[in-house]
Amino acid sequence: MHKILLIDDDDSMRKLLRTRLEHSYEIIETPDPEEGIVLALERKPDAILLDLMMPKYSGFEICQTLSALSFTQQIPIFIVSGESAERYRDFCNNLGAKGFFQKPVDFAALRKQLEAAIDGHSAKRPEVRVRFRTPVKLIGQDATGIPLHVTTVTDSVTANGFSCECPAGIEEGSIVEVRLAKDGHPLVGQAKAVRIESPVARGQTCAFQFIEAPRDWILP
């Protein structure tokens, strides 16, 4: 379930937003603007609903801060405020907000914009690649049909794949069974060679993508 962070010092407004949205989203909330920044960094919400007029720090400052931080700048922010949309919409958009909803909130329009923004955000979210060396076994056939059973070491891993040195006989599109090269050789899953990179002394570098969600993999 996608997560939405509510930052609003009005308890009744947070309760209303939660009631109207909690059936579709996991709701995280705080009345404290400073805590809102911390929660955005820690919980990585898919969208943020932000009030403008709050004590100590205004929604303008929080919006500008979240839009400037590398870890939060891609999170869509929607202003939900009793202030005039006509007066503040353009200014908030320039600070990084994706939309402005004046109270009383049009929840049908809010849901529609949330859905569109979250879908777009998810599509743009890059897959995290980590440089990590772990031994794996590749089992299958090479391009000539000769049985393949080789132990190699990953160069980098993602939640859905990895790259490693592999025999020259593996071509793009080849499918191999992947096992961790440790006690019991637990099966991770089947992976497809999606890219063949620069040749190395004894073979080449291959990028593999798991066909189905892997089991017991390095990254969740």
N, C-alpha and C. Protein backbone atom coordinates (compact mmCIF):
# COMPACT_ATOMS: atom_id res chain seq x y z
N MET A 1 0.85 -1.19 0.00
CA MET A 1 0.00 0.00 0.00
C MET A 1 0.89 1.25 0.00
N HIS A 2 0.58 2.21 -0.87
CA HIS A 2 1.35 3.45 -0.93
C HIS A 2 1.18 4.26 0.35
N LYS A 3 2.21 5.03 0.68
CA LYS A 3 2.21 5.80 1.93
C LYS A 3 2.04 7.29 1.65
N ILE A 4 1.22 7.93 2.48
CA ILE A 4 1.03 9.38 2.39
C ILE A 4 1.37 9.99 3.75
N LEU A 5 2.17 11.03 3.72
CA LEU A 5 2.55 11.76 4.94
C LEU A 5 1.70 13.02 5.05
N LEU A 6 1.01 13.19 6.18
CA LEU A 6 0.22 14.38 6.47
C LEU A 6 1.00 15.27 7.43
N ILE A 7 1.23 16.53 7.04
CA ILE A 7 1.89 17.50 7.92
C ILE A 7 0.93 18.66 8.11
N ASP A 8 0.26 18.70 9.25
CA ASP A 8 -0.77 19.71 9.50
C ASP A 8 -0.96 19.81 11.01
N ASP A 9 -0.90 21.04 11.55
CA ASP A 9 -1.05 21.21 13.00
C ASP A 9 -2.52 21.18 13.44
N ASP A 10 -3.45 21.13 12.51
CA ASP A 10 -4.88 21.08 12.81
C ASP A 10 -5.30 19.62 13.01
N ASP A 11 -5.55 19.23 14.26
CA ASP A 11 -5.89 17.83 14.56
C ASP A 11 -7.14 17.37 13.82
N SER A 12 -8.14 18.23 13.75
CA SER A 12 -9.39 17.84 13.09
C SER A 12 -9.19 17.64 11.59
N MET A 13 -8.32 18.43 10.99
CA MET A 13 -8.06 18.28 9.55
C MET A 13 -7.29 16.99 9.28
N ARG A 14 -6.32 16.69 10.13
CA ARG A 14 -5.58 15.43 9.94
C ARG A 14 -6.52 14.24 10.09
N LYS A 15 -7.44 14.32 11.06
CA LYS A 15 -8.40 13.24 11.26
C LYS A 15 -9.28 13.07 10.04
N LEU A 16 -9.74 14.19 9.46
CA LEU A 16 -10.57 14.13 8.27
C LEU A 16 -9.81 13.52 7.10
N LEU A 17 -8.58 13.97 6.88
CA LEU A 17 -7.77 13.43 5.78
C LEU A 17 -7.53 11.94 5.97
N ARG A 18 -7.21 11.54 7.20
CA ARG A 18 -7.00 10.12 7.48
C ARG A 18 -8.26 9.32 7.18
N THR A 19 -9.40 9.79 7.67
CA THR A 19 -10.66 9.07 7.48
C THR A 19 -10.99 8.89 6.00
N ARG A 20 -10.72 9.91 5.21
CA ARG A 20 -11.10 9.86 3.80
C ARG A 20 -10.09 9.12 2.93
N LEU A 21 -8.86 8.92 3.43
CA LEU A 21 -7.81 8.34 2.59
C LEU A 21 -7.26 7.01 3.08
N GLU A 22 -7.51 6.65 4.34
CA GLU A 22 -6.84 5.49 4.92
C GLU A 22 -7.27 4.16 4.30
N HIS A 23 -8.39 4.11 3.60
CA HIS A 23 -8.79 2.86 2.95
C HIS A 23 -7.95 2.58 1.70
N SER A 24 -7.31 3.61 1.17
CA SER A 24 -6.52 3.46 -0.05
C SER A 24 -5.02 3.61 0.19
N TYR A 25 -4.65 4.25 1.30
CA TYR A 25 -3.24 4.54 1.55
C TYR A 25 -2.87 4.28 3.02
N GLU A 26 -1.60 3.98 3.23
CA GLU A 26 -1.07 3.94 4.59
C GLU A 26 -0.79 5.39 4.99
N ILE A 27 -1.35 5.82 6.10
CA ILE A 27 -1.24 7.22 6.51
C ILE A 27 -0.20 7.38 7.61
N ILE A 28 0.71 8.32 7.40
CA ILE A 28 1.68 8.74 8.41
C ILE A 28 1.35 10.21 8.70
N GLU A 29 1.33 10.63 9.95
CA GLU A 29 0.92 12.00 10.22
C GLU A 29 1.71 12.63 11.36
N THR A 30 1.78 13.95 11.32
CA THR A 30 2.41 14.71 12.39
C THR A 30 1.90 16.15 12.37
N PRO A 31 1.76 16.76 13.56
CA PRO A 31 1.40 18.19 13.61
C PRO A 31 2.64 19.08 13.59
N ASP A 32 3.81 18.47 13.65
CA ASP A 32 5.08 19.20 13.81
C ASP A 32 5.83 19.28 12.47
N PRO A 33 6.03 20.46 11.91
CA PRO A 33 6.73 20.60 10.63
C PRO A 33 8.14 20.00 10.64
N GLU A 34 8.87 20.22 11.73
CA GLU A 34 10.23 19.67 11.81
C GLU A 34 10.20 18.14 11.79
N GLU A 35 9.28 17.56 12.55
CA GLU A 35 9.15 16.10 12.54
C GLU A 35 8.72 15.62 11.16
N GLY A 36 7.96 16.44 10.44
CA GLY A 36 7.55 16.08 9.10
C GLY A 36 8.73 15.85 8.17
N ILE A 37 9.75 16.69 8.29
CA ILE A 37 10.95 16.51 7.47
C ILE A 37 11.64 15.20 7.83
N VAL A 38 11.74 14.93 9.14
CA VAL A 38 12.37 13.68 9.60
C VAL A 38 11.60 12.47 9.08
N LEU A 39 10.27 12.51 9.18
CA LEU A 39 9.45 11.39 8.71
C LEU A 39 9.57 11.20 7.21
N ALA A 40 9.67 12.30 6.47
CA ALA A 40 9.83 12.20 5.01
C ALA A 40 11.14 11.49 4.66
N LEU A 41 12.18 11.77 5.42
CA LEU A 41 13.48 11.14 5.18
C LEU A 41 13.48 9.67 5.61
N GLU A 42 12.85 9.39 6.75
CA GLU A 42 12.89 8.03 7.31
C GLU A 42 11.89 7.09 6.64
N ARG A 43 10.67 7.58 6.40
CA ARG A 43 9.60 6.70 5.94
C ARG A 43 9.42 6.68 4.43
N LYS A 44 10.03 7.63 3.73
CA LYS A 44 9.99 7.70 2.27
C LYS A 44 8.55 7.56 1.73
N PRO A 45 7.67 8.50 2.08
CA PRO A 45 6.28 8.42 1.61
C PRO A 45 6.20 8.59 0.10
N ASP A 46 5.10 8.15 -0.48
CA ASP A 46 4.88 8.28 -1.92
C ASP A 46 4.29 9.64 -2.27
N ALA A 47 3.73 10.35 -1.28
CA ALA A 47 3.22 11.70 -1.47
C ALA A 47 3.10 12.37 -0.11
N ILE A 48 3.08 13.69 -0.13
CA ILE A 48 2.98 14.48 1.11
C ILE A 48 1.85 15.48 0.96
N LEU A 49 0.97 15.54 1.98
CA LEU A 49 -0.06 16.57 2.06
C LEU A 49 0.37 17.56 3.13
N LEU A 50 0.50 18.83 2.76
CA LEU A 50 1.15 19.82 3.61
C LEU A 50 0.29 21.06 3.82
N ASP A 51 0.10 21.43 5.08
CA ASP A 51 -0.59 22.68 5.41
C ASP A 51 0.39 23.84 5.24
N LEU A 52 -0.14 25.06 5.08
CA LEU A 52 0.73 26.22 4.90
C LEU A 52 1.02 26.95 6.20
N MET A 53 -0.02 27.28 6.95
CA MET A 53 0.16 28.11 8.13
C MET A 53 0.28 27.26 9.38
N MET A 54 1.51 27.07 9.83
CA MET A 54 1.80 26.27 11.03
C MET A 54 2.77 27.04 11.90
N PRO A 55 2.78 26.78 13.20
CA PRO A 55 3.70 27.49 14.09
C PRO A 55 5.15 27.08 13.85
N LYS A 56 6.04 27.97 14.13
CA LYS A 56 7.49 27.78 14.07
C LYS A 56 8.00 27.75 12.63
N TYR A 57 7.51 26.81 11.82
CA TYR A 57 7.91 26.76 10.42
C TYR A 57 6.65 26.70 9.55
N SER A 58 6.63 27.47 8.50
CA SER A 58 5.46 27.48 7.61
C SER A 58 5.57 26.36 6.59
N GLY A 59 4.43 26.06 5.97
CA GLY A 59 4.43 25.08 4.90
C GLY A 59 5.30 25.52 3.73
N PHE A 60 5.44 26.82 3.51
CA PHE A 60 6.30 27.32 2.44
C PHE A 60 7.74 26.85 2.67
N GLU A 61 8.21 27.01 3.91
CA GLU A 61 9.58 26.62 4.24
C GLU A 61 9.78 25.11 4.12
N ILE A 62 8.78 24.35 4.60
CA ILE A 62 8.89 22.89 4.55
C ILE A 62 8.87 22.41 3.10
N CYS A 63 8.00 22.99 2.29
CA CYS A 63 7.93 22.61 0.87
C CYS A 63 9.26 22.89 0.18
N GLN A 64 9.82 24.07 0.43
CA GLN A 64 11.10 24.43 -0.19
C GLN A 64 12.22 23.50 0.26
N THR A 65 12.22 23.16 1.56
CA THR A 65 13.26 22.27 2.09
C THR A 65 13.16 20.88 1.48
N LEU A 66 11.95 20.29 1.47
CA LEU A 66 11.77 18.94 0.94
C LEU A 66 12.07 18.88 -0.55
N SER A 67 11.77 19.97 -1.27
CA SER A 67 12.03 20.00 -2.71
C SER A 67 13.52 20.16 -3.02
N ALA A 68 14.28 20.63 -2.02
CA ALA A 68 15.71 20.85 -2.23
C ALA A 68 16.56 19.66 -1.82
N LEU A 69 16.07 18.84 -0.89
CA LEU A 69 16.85 17.70 -0.41
C LEU A 69 16.84 16.58 -1.45
N SER A 70 18.00 16.00 -1.72
CA SER A 70 18.09 14.98 -2.76
C SER A 70 17.24 13.75 -2.44
N PHE A 71 17.08 13.42 -1.14
CA PHE A 71 16.34 12.22 -0.76
C PHE A 71 14.82 12.41 -0.81
N THR A 72 14.36 13.66 -0.88
CA THR A 72 12.92 13.90 -0.86
C THR A 72 12.42 14.72 -2.05
N GLN A 73 13.31 15.21 -2.89
CA GLN A 73 12.89 16.14 -3.92
C GLN A 73 11.99 15.52 -4.99
N GLN A 74 11.97 14.18 -5.10
CA GLN A 74 11.11 13.53 -6.08
C GLN A 74 9.73 13.18 -5.51
N ILE A 75 9.52 13.38 -4.21
CA ILE A 75 8.23 13.05 -3.60
C ILE A 75 7.22 14.15 -3.94
N PRO A 76 6.09 13.82 -4.57
CA PRO A 76 5.10 14.86 -4.88
C PRO A 76 4.47 15.45 -3.62
N ILE A 77 4.42 16.78 -3.56
CA ILE A 77 3.87 17.50 -2.42
C ILE A 77 2.61 18.23 -2.86
N PHE A 78 1.54 18.05 -2.09
CA PHE A 78 0.28 18.76 -2.35
C PHE A 78 -0.03 19.65 -1.15
N ILE A 79 -0.32 20.90 -1.43
CA ILE A 79 -0.71 21.83 -0.39
C ILE A 79 -2.20 21.67 -0.10
N VAL A 80 -2.56 21.50 1.18
CA VAL A 80 -3.96 21.45 1.61
C VAL A 80 -4.10 22.55 2.66
N SER A 81 -4.77 23.64 2.30
CA SER A 81 -4.75 24.82 3.15
C SER A 81 -6.06 25.59 3.11
N GLY A 82 -6.32 26.34 4.17
CA GLY A 82 -7.46 27.24 4.20
C GLY A 82 -7.14 28.56 3.54
N GLU A 83 -5.86 28.75 3.17
CA GLU A 83 -5.47 29.99 2.48
C GLU A 83 -5.95 29.97 1.03
N SER A 84 -5.97 31.14 0.43
CA SER A 84 -6.50 31.30 -0.93
C SER A 84 -5.63 30.60 -1.96
N ALA A 85 -6.24 29.70 -2.72
CA ALA A 85 -5.51 29.02 -3.80
C ALA A 85 -5.10 30.03 -4.87
N GLU A 86 -5.98 30.97 -5.17
CA GLU A 86 -5.69 31.98 -6.19
C GLU A 86 -4.46 32.80 -5.81
N ARG A 87 -4.33 33.05 -4.54
CA ARG A 87 -3.21 33.89 -4.07
C ARG A 87 -1.90 33.12 -3.98
N TYR A 88 -1.94 31.85 -3.57
CA TYR A 88 -0.70 31.15 -3.24
C TYR A 88 -0.34 30.00 -4.18
N ARG A 89 -1.23 29.58 -5.08
CA ARG A 89 -0.97 28.40 -5.90
C ARG A 89 0.33 28.52 -6.70
N ASP A 90 0.48 29.59 -7.45
CA ASP A 90 1.67 29.74 -8.30
C ASP A 90 2.94 29.79 -7.47
N PHE A 91 2.88 30.49 -6.34
CA PHE A 91 4.05 30.60 -5.48
C PHE A 91 4.46 29.22 -4.96
N CYS A 92 3.47 28.42 -4.53
CA CYS A 92 3.77 27.07 -4.02
C CYS A 92 4.28 26.16 -5.14
N ASN A 93 3.72 26.31 -6.32
CA ASN A 93 4.21 25.52 -7.46
C ASN A 93 5.68 25.82 -7.73
N ASN A 94 6.05 27.10 -7.61
CA ASN A 94 7.45 27.49 -7.82
C ASN A 94 8.37 26.93 -6.75
N LEU A 95 7.81 26.65 -5.57
CA LEU A 95 8.60 26.04 -4.49
C LEU A 95 8.72 24.53 -4.65
N GLY A 96 7.94 23.94 -5.57
CA GLY A 96 8.03 22.51 -5.81
C GLY A 96 6.76 21.73 -5.61
N ALA A 97 5.68 22.39 -5.16
CA ALA A 97 4.42 21.68 -4.94
C ALA A 97 3.81 21.23 -6.26
N LYS A 98 3.12 20.08 -6.24
CA LYS A 98 2.49 19.53 -7.44
C LYS A 98 1.02 19.93 -7.55
N GLY A 99 0.44 20.45 -6.48
CA GLY A 99 -0.96 20.82 -6.52
C GLY A 99 -1.35 21.60 -5.28
N PHE A 100 -2.48 22.30 -5.35
CA PHE A 100 -2.96 23.12 -4.25
C PHE A 100 -4.45 22.85 -4.07
N PHE A 101 -4.84 22.45 -2.85
CA PHE A 101 -6.24 22.19 -2.55
C PHE A 101 -6.67 23.10 -1.41
N GLN A 102 -7.62 23.98 -1.73
CA GLN A 102 -8.14 24.89 -0.71
C GLN A 102 -9.25 24.21 0.07
N LYS A 103 -9.26 24.41 1.38
CA LYS A 103 -10.30 23.85 2.23
C LYS A 103 -11.60 24.62 2.03
N PRO A 104 -12.76 23.95 2.02
CA PRO A 104 -12.96 22.49 2.16
C PRO A 104 -12.46 21.74 0.93
N VAL A 105 -11.85 20.60 1.18
CA VAL A 105 -11.14 19.86 0.14
C VAL A 105 -12.10 19.11 -0.77
N ASP A 106 -11.84 19.20 -2.07
CA ASP A 106 -12.53 18.38 -3.07
C ASP A 106 -11.82 17.03 -3.08
N PHE A 107 -12.33 16.04 -2.33
CA PHE A 107 -11.62 14.78 -2.17
C PHE A 107 -11.58 13.96 -3.45
N ALA A 108 -12.57 14.08 -4.30
CA ALA A 108 -12.54 13.36 -5.57
C ALA A 108 -11.36 13.84 -6.42
N ALA A 109 -11.17 15.17 -6.47
CA ALA A 109 -10.05 15.73 -7.23
C ALA A 109 -8.72 15.39 -6.57
N LEU A 110 -8.69 15.41 -5.22
CA LEU A 110 -7.46 15.08 -4.51
C LEU A 110 -7.04 13.64 -4.79
N ARG A 111 -7.98 12.72 -4.70
CA ARG A 111 -7.65 11.31 -4.96
C ARG A 111 -7.13 11.13 -6.39
N LYS A 112 -7.77 11.81 -7.32
CA LYS A 112 -7.36 11.68 -8.73
C LYS A 112 -5.93 12.18 -8.93
N GLN A 113 -5.61 13.33 -8.35
CA GLN A 113 -4.26 13.86 -8.51
C GLN A 113 -3.23 13.04 -7.74
N LEU A 114 -3.61 12.52 -6.57
CA LEU A 114 -2.70 11.66 -5.82
C LEU A 114 -2.36 10.41 -6.62
N GLU A 115 -3.39 9.79 -7.17
CA GLU A 115 -3.17 8.57 -7.94
C GLU A 115 -2.25 8.81 -9.13
N ALA A 116 -2.50 9.90 -9.87
CA ALA A 116 -1.67 10.22 -11.03
C ALA A 116 -0.23 10.52 -10.63
N ALA A 117 -0.06 11.29 -9.56
CA ALA A 117 1.28 11.68 -9.13
C ALA A 117 2.06 10.48 -8.60
N ILE A 118 1.40 9.63 -7.83
CA ILE A 118 2.08 8.46 -7.26
C ILE A 118 2.45 7.47 -8.34
N ASP A 119 1.56 7.25 -9.31
CA ASP A 119 1.88 6.35 -10.42
C ASP A 119 3.07 6.88 -11.20
N GLY A 120 3.10 8.18 -11.45
CA GLY A 120 4.21 8.77 -12.17
C GLY A 120 5.50 8.73 -11.38
N HIS A 121 5.38 8.95 -10.08
CA HIS A 121 6.56 8.90 -9.20
C HIS A 121 7.14 7.50 -9.16
N SER A 122 6.29 6.49 -9.06
CA SER A 122 6.75 5.09 -9.00
C SER A 122 7.42 4.70 -10.29
N ALA A 123 6.88 5.17 -11.42
CA ALA A 123 7.46 4.81 -12.72
C ALA A 123 8.84 5.41 -12.90
N LYS A 124 9.06 6.60 -12.30
CA LYS A 124 10.34 7.28 -12.46
C LYS A 124 11.37 6.82 -11.45
N ARG A 125 10.93 6.16 -10.39
CA ARG A 125 11.85 5.80 -9.31
C ARG A 125 12.92 4.84 -9.81
N PRO A 126 14.19 5.21 -9.74
CA PRO A 126 15.24 4.33 -10.26
C PRO A 126 15.45 3.12 -9.36
N GLU A 127 15.87 2.02 -9.98
CA GLU A 127 16.16 0.82 -9.21
C GLU A 127 17.51 1.01 -8.53
N VAL A 128 17.57 0.75 -7.26
CA VAL A 128 18.81 0.93 -6.50
C VAL A 128 19.80 -0.16 -6.87
N ARG A 129 20.98 0.25 -7.29
CA ARG A 129 22.05 -0.69 -7.63
C ARG A 129 23.17 -0.52 -6.61
N VAL A 130 23.61 -1.63 -6.02
CA VAL A 130 24.64 -1.60 -4.99
C VAL A 130 25.83 -2.42 -5.45
N ARG A 131 27.01 -1.84 -5.33
CA ARG A 131 28.22 -2.61 -5.64
C ARG A 131 28.43 -3.61 -4.50
N PHE A 132 28.33 -4.88 -4.85
CA PHE A 132 28.37 -5.92 -3.83
C PHE A 132 28.90 -7.20 -4.46
N ARG A 133 29.89 -7.80 -3.81
CA ARG A 133 30.49 -9.02 -4.34
C ARG A 133 30.05 -10.21 -3.49
N THR A 134 29.34 -11.11 -4.13
CA THR A 134 28.92 -12.34 -3.45
C THR A 134 28.98 -13.48 -4.47
N PRO A 135 29.47 -14.65 -4.09
CA PRO A 135 29.56 -15.77 -5.04
C PRO A 135 28.20 -16.37 -5.36
N VAL A 136 27.97 -16.63 -6.64
CA VAL A 136 26.73 -17.26 -7.09
C VAL A 136 27.06 -18.38 -8.07
N LYS A 137 26.16 -19.35 -8.15
CA LYS A 137 26.28 -20.43 -9.13
C LYS A 137 25.27 -20.19 -10.24
N LEU A 138 25.73 -20.31 -11.49
CA LEU A 138 24.87 -20.18 -12.66
C LEU A 138 24.78 -21.56 -13.31
N ILE A 139 23.56 -22.05 -13.49
CA ILE A 139 23.34 -23.39 -14.01
C ILE A 139 22.38 -23.29 -15.21
N GLY A 140 22.79 -23.88 -16.33
CA GLY A 140 21.94 -23.84 -17.52
C GLY A 140 22.67 -24.40 -18.72
N GLN A 141 22.53 -23.73 -19.86
CA GLN A 141 23.22 -24.12 -21.09
C GLN A 141 23.79 -22.88 -21.75
N ASP A 142 24.93 -23.08 -22.46
CA ASP A 142 25.46 -21.95 -23.21
C ASP A 142 24.78 -21.88 -24.57
N ALA A 143 25.23 -20.98 -25.42
CA ALA A 143 24.57 -20.75 -26.70
C ALA A 143 24.64 -21.96 -27.63
N THR A 144 25.58 -22.89 -27.39
CA THR A 144 25.72 -24.08 -28.25
C THR A 144 25.00 -25.29 -27.67
N GLY A 145 24.35 -25.11 -26.50
CA GLY A 145 23.63 -26.21 -25.88
C GLY A 145 24.47 -27.02 -24.91
N ILE A 146 25.71 -26.63 -24.70
CA ILE A 146 26.57 -27.34 -23.75
C ILE A 146 26.16 -26.98 -22.32
N PRO A 147 26.01 -27.97 -21.44
CA PRO A 147 25.61 -27.69 -20.05
C PRO A 147 26.56 -26.71 -19.38
N LEU A 148 25.99 -25.82 -18.62
CA LEU A 148 26.75 -24.77 -17.96
C LEU A 148 26.57 -24.90 -16.45
N HIS A 149 27.67 -24.93 -15.73
CA HIS A 149 27.62 -25.00 -14.27
C HIS A 149 28.86 -24.27 -13.77
N VAL A 150 28.70 -22.97 -13.48
CA VAL A 150 29.85 -22.15 -13.17
C VAL A 150 29.60 -21.35 -11.90
N THR A 151 30.67 -21.16 -11.12
CA THR A 151 30.61 -20.28 -9.95
C THR A 151 31.32 -18.98 -10.29
N THR A 152 30.66 -17.86 -10.02
CA THR A 152 31.23 -16.55 -10.32
C THR A 152 30.90 -15.62 -9.15
N VAL A 153 31.27 -14.36 -9.29
CA VAL A 153 31.05 -13.39 -8.21
C VAL A 153 30.36 -12.16 -8.79
N THR A 154 29.34 -11.68 -8.12
CA THR A 154 28.63 -10.50 -8.60
C THR A 154 29.52 -9.26 -8.50
N ASP A 155 29.30 -8.33 -9.45
CA ASP A 155 29.94 -7.01 -9.38
C ASP A 155 29.03 -6.03 -8.67
N SER A 156 27.73 -6.13 -8.98
CA SER A 156 26.74 -5.26 -8.37
C SER A 156 25.42 -6.02 -8.33
N VAL A 157 24.52 -5.58 -7.44
CA VAL A 157 23.22 -6.25 -7.31
C VAL A 157 22.12 -5.20 -7.21
N THR A 158 20.91 -5.59 -7.63
CA THR A 158 19.70 -4.81 -7.40
C THR A 158 18.70 -5.76 -6.75
N ALA A 159 17.51 -5.26 -6.44
CA ALA A 159 16.49 -6.12 -5.85
C ALA A 159 16.01 -7.17 -6.84
N ASN A 160 16.23 -6.93 -8.15
CA ASN A 160 15.69 -7.83 -9.18
C ASN A 160 16.74 -8.36 -10.14
N GLY A 161 18.01 -8.20 -9.81
CA GLY A 161 19.02 -8.70 -10.73
C GLY A 161 20.43 -8.48 -10.22
N PHE A 162 21.39 -8.70 -11.12
CA PHE A 162 22.80 -8.55 -10.76
C PHE A 162 23.64 -8.54 -12.02
N SER A 163 24.89 -8.13 -11.89
CA SER A 163 25.86 -8.26 -12.97
C SER A 163 27.04 -9.04 -12.45
N CYS A 164 27.71 -9.76 -13.34
CA CYS A 164 28.84 -10.60 -12.93
C CYS A 164 29.64 -10.99 -14.15
N GLU A 165 30.83 -11.53 -13.92
CA GLU A 165 31.60 -12.13 -15.00
C GLU A 165 30.98 -13.48 -15.33
N CYS A 166 30.84 -13.79 -16.61
CA CYS A 166 30.23 -15.05 -17.00
C CYS A 166 30.93 -15.59 -18.26
N PRO A 167 30.77 -16.88 -18.56
CA PRO A 167 31.43 -17.48 -19.72
C PRO A 167 30.99 -16.83 -21.03
N ALA A 168 31.90 -16.85 -22.00
CA ALA A 168 31.61 -16.24 -23.29
C ALA A 168 30.45 -16.91 -24.00
N GLY A 169 30.13 -18.16 -23.64
CA GLY A 169 29.05 -18.88 -24.31
C GLY A 169 27.67 -18.37 -23.97
N ILE A 170 27.53 -17.57 -22.93
CA ILE A 170 26.22 -17.02 -22.58
C ILE A 170 25.93 -15.82 -23.48
N GLU A 171 24.77 -15.86 -24.12
CA GLU A 171 24.36 -14.77 -24.99
C GLU A 171 23.16 -14.04 -24.40
N GLU A 172 22.88 -12.86 -24.93
CA GLU A 172 21.71 -12.10 -24.48
C GLU A 172 20.45 -12.93 -24.71
N GLY A 173 19.63 -13.03 -23.69
CA GLY A 173 18.41 -13.84 -23.78
C GLY A 173 18.56 -15.20 -23.12
N SER A 174 19.79 -15.61 -22.80
CA SER A 174 20.01 -16.90 -22.13
C SER A 174 19.37 -16.88 -20.75
N ILE A 175 18.83 -18.02 -20.33
CA ILE A 175 18.19 -18.14 -19.01
C ILE A 175 18.98 -19.14 -18.17
N VAL A 176 19.30 -18.76 -16.95
CA VAL A 176 20.07 -19.63 -16.07
C VAL A 176 19.36 -19.74 -14.72
N GLU A 177 19.64 -20.84 -14.03
CA GLU A 177 19.20 -21.00 -12.65
C GLU A 177 20.28 -20.37 -11.77
N VAL A 178 19.87 -19.59 -10.79
CA VAL A 178 20.82 -18.89 -9.94
C VAL A 178 20.72 -19.43 -8.51
N ARG A 179 21.87 -19.82 -7.96
CA ARG A 179 21.95 -20.28 -6.58
C ARG A 179 23.06 -19.52 -5.87
N LEU A 180 22.87 -19.28 -4.58
CA LEU A 180 23.93 -18.68 -3.79
C LEU A 180 25.00 -19.73 -3.53
N ALA A 181 26.24 -19.34 -3.69
CA ALA A 181 27.34 -20.29 -3.51
C ALA A 181 27.75 -20.32 -2.05
N LYS A 182 26.87 -20.89 -1.22
CA LYS A 182 27.16 -21.06 0.20
C LYS A 182 26.54 -22.38 0.64
N ASP A 183 26.59 -22.70 1.91
CA ASP A 183 26.10 -23.98 2.41
C ASP A 183 24.70 -24.29 1.91
N GLY A 184 24.58 -25.45 1.26
CA GLY A 184 23.27 -25.86 0.75
C GLY A 184 22.93 -25.30 -0.60
N HIS A 185 23.69 -24.32 -1.07
CA HIS A 185 23.44 -23.68 -2.37
C HIS A 185 21.97 -23.35 -2.57
N PRO A 186 21.39 -22.49 -1.70
CA PRO A 186 19.95 -22.18 -1.82
C PRO A 186 19.60 -21.55 -3.16
N LEU A 187 18.47 -21.98 -3.70
CA LEU A 187 18.00 -21.48 -4.99
C LEU A 187 17.45 -20.07 -4.82
N VAL A 188 17.90 -19.17 -5.68
CA VAL A 188 17.39 -17.80 -5.69
C VAL A 188 16.27 -17.66 -6.73
N GLY A 189 16.46 -18.27 -7.89
CA GLY A 189 15.46 -18.21 -8.95
C GLY A 189 16.10 -18.31 -10.32
N GLN A 190 15.30 -18.11 -11.35
CA GLN A 190 15.81 -18.10 -12.72
C GLN A 190 16.01 -16.66 -13.16
N ALA A 191 17.08 -16.44 -13.93
CA ALA A 191 17.39 -15.09 -14.39
C ALA A 191 17.72 -15.11 -15.88
N LYS A 192 17.42 -14.01 -16.54
CA LYS A 192 17.66 -13.87 -17.98
C LYS A 192 18.78 -12.88 -18.21
N ALA A 193 19.69 -13.22 -19.11
CA ALA A 193 20.76 -12.29 -19.48
C ALA A 193 20.17 -11.18 -20.34
N VAL A 194 20.13 -9.98 -19.80
CA VAL A 194 19.48 -8.87 -20.51
C VAL A 194 20.50 -7.95 -21.18
N ARG A 195 21.77 -8.09 -20.82
CA ARG A 195 22.79 -7.24 -21.43
C ARG A 195 24.15 -7.91 -21.32
N ILE A 196 24.89 -7.90 -22.42
CA ILE A 196 26.25 -8.41 -22.44
C ILE A 196 27.18 -7.21 -22.56
N GLU A 197 28.08 -7.10 -21.61
CA GLU A 197 28.95 -5.94 -21.59
C GLU A 197 30.37 -6.31 -22.02
N SER A 198 31.34 -5.49 -21.69
CA SER A 198 32.70 -5.63 -22.21
C SER A 198 33.31 -6.99 -21.90
N PRO A 199 33.97 -7.60 -22.88
CA PRO A 199 34.64 -8.88 -22.65
C PRO A 199 35.76 -8.73 -21.62
N VAL A 200 36.03 -9.80 -20.88
CA VAL A 200 37.14 -9.83 -19.94
C VAL A 200 38.06 -10.98 -20.34
N ALA A 201 39.10 -11.19 -19.57
CA ALA A 201 40.12 -12.16 -19.96
C ALA A 201 39.56 -13.55 -20.22
N ARG A 202 38.64 -14.02 -19.34
CA ARG A 202 38.15 -15.39 -19.48
C ARG A 202 36.69 -15.46 -19.88
N GLY A 203 36.12 -14.34 -20.27
CA GLY A 203 34.71 -14.37 -20.63
C GLY A 203 34.17 -13.00 -20.93
N GLN A 204 33.13 -12.60 -20.22
CA GLN A 204 32.48 -11.32 -20.46
C GLN A 204 31.71 -10.91 -19.21
N THR A 205 31.22 -9.71 -19.20
CA THR A 205 30.39 -9.26 -18.09
C THR A 205 28.94 -9.28 -18.53
N CYS A 206 28.08 -9.92 -17.73
CA CYS A 206 26.67 -10.06 -18.09
C CYS A 206 25.80 -9.40 -17.02
N ALA A 207 24.70 -8.78 -17.47
CA ALA A 207 23.69 -8.26 -16.55
C ALA A 207 22.49 -9.19 -16.62
N PHE A 208 22.06 -9.69 -15.47
CA PHE A 208 20.94 -10.63 -15.40
C PHE A 208 19.75 -9.98 -14.68
N GLN A 209 18.54 -10.33 -15.13
CA GLN A 209 17.31 -9.88 -14.49
C GLN A 209 16.52 -11.12 -14.10
N PHE A 210 16.07 -11.19 -12.85
CA PHE A 210 15.28 -12.34 -12.42
C PHE A 210 13.93 -12.35 -13.13
N ILE A 211 13.50 -13.53 -13.53
CA ILE A 211 12.23 -13.69 -14.25
C ILE A 211 11.06 -13.52 -13.29
N GLU A 212 11.20 -14.04 -12.07
CA GLU A 212 10.19 -13.86 -11.03
C GLU A 212 10.88 -13.32 -9.78
N ALA A 213 10.11 -12.87 -8.82
CA ALA A 213 10.69 -12.32 -7.59
C ALA A 213 11.65 -13.34 -6.97
N PRO A 214 12.90 -12.96 -6.72
CA PRO A 214 13.88 -13.89 -6.18
C PRO A 214 13.63 -14.23 -4.72
N ARG A 215 14.18 -15.38 -4.31
CA ARG A 215 14.07 -15.82 -2.91
C ARG A 215 15.43 -15.74 -2.24
N ASP A 216 15.45 -15.33 -0.98
CA ASP A 216 16.69 -15.26 -0.21
C ASP A 216 17.77 -14.46 -0.93
N TRP A 217 17.38 -13.37 -1.57
CA TRP A 217 18.34 -12.57 -2.33
C TRP A 217 19.01 -11.54 -1.43
N ILE A 218 20.05 -10.90 -1.95
CA ILE A 218 20.84 -9.96 -1.18
C ILE A 218 20.03 -8.74 -0.77
N LEU A 219 19.23 -8.21 -1.73
CA LEU A 219 18.40 -7.06 -1.45
C LEU A 219 16.93 -7.48 -1.43
N PRO A 220 16.12 -6.89 -0.54
CA PRO A 220 14.70 -7.25 -0.47
C PRO A 220 13.94 -6.68 -1.65
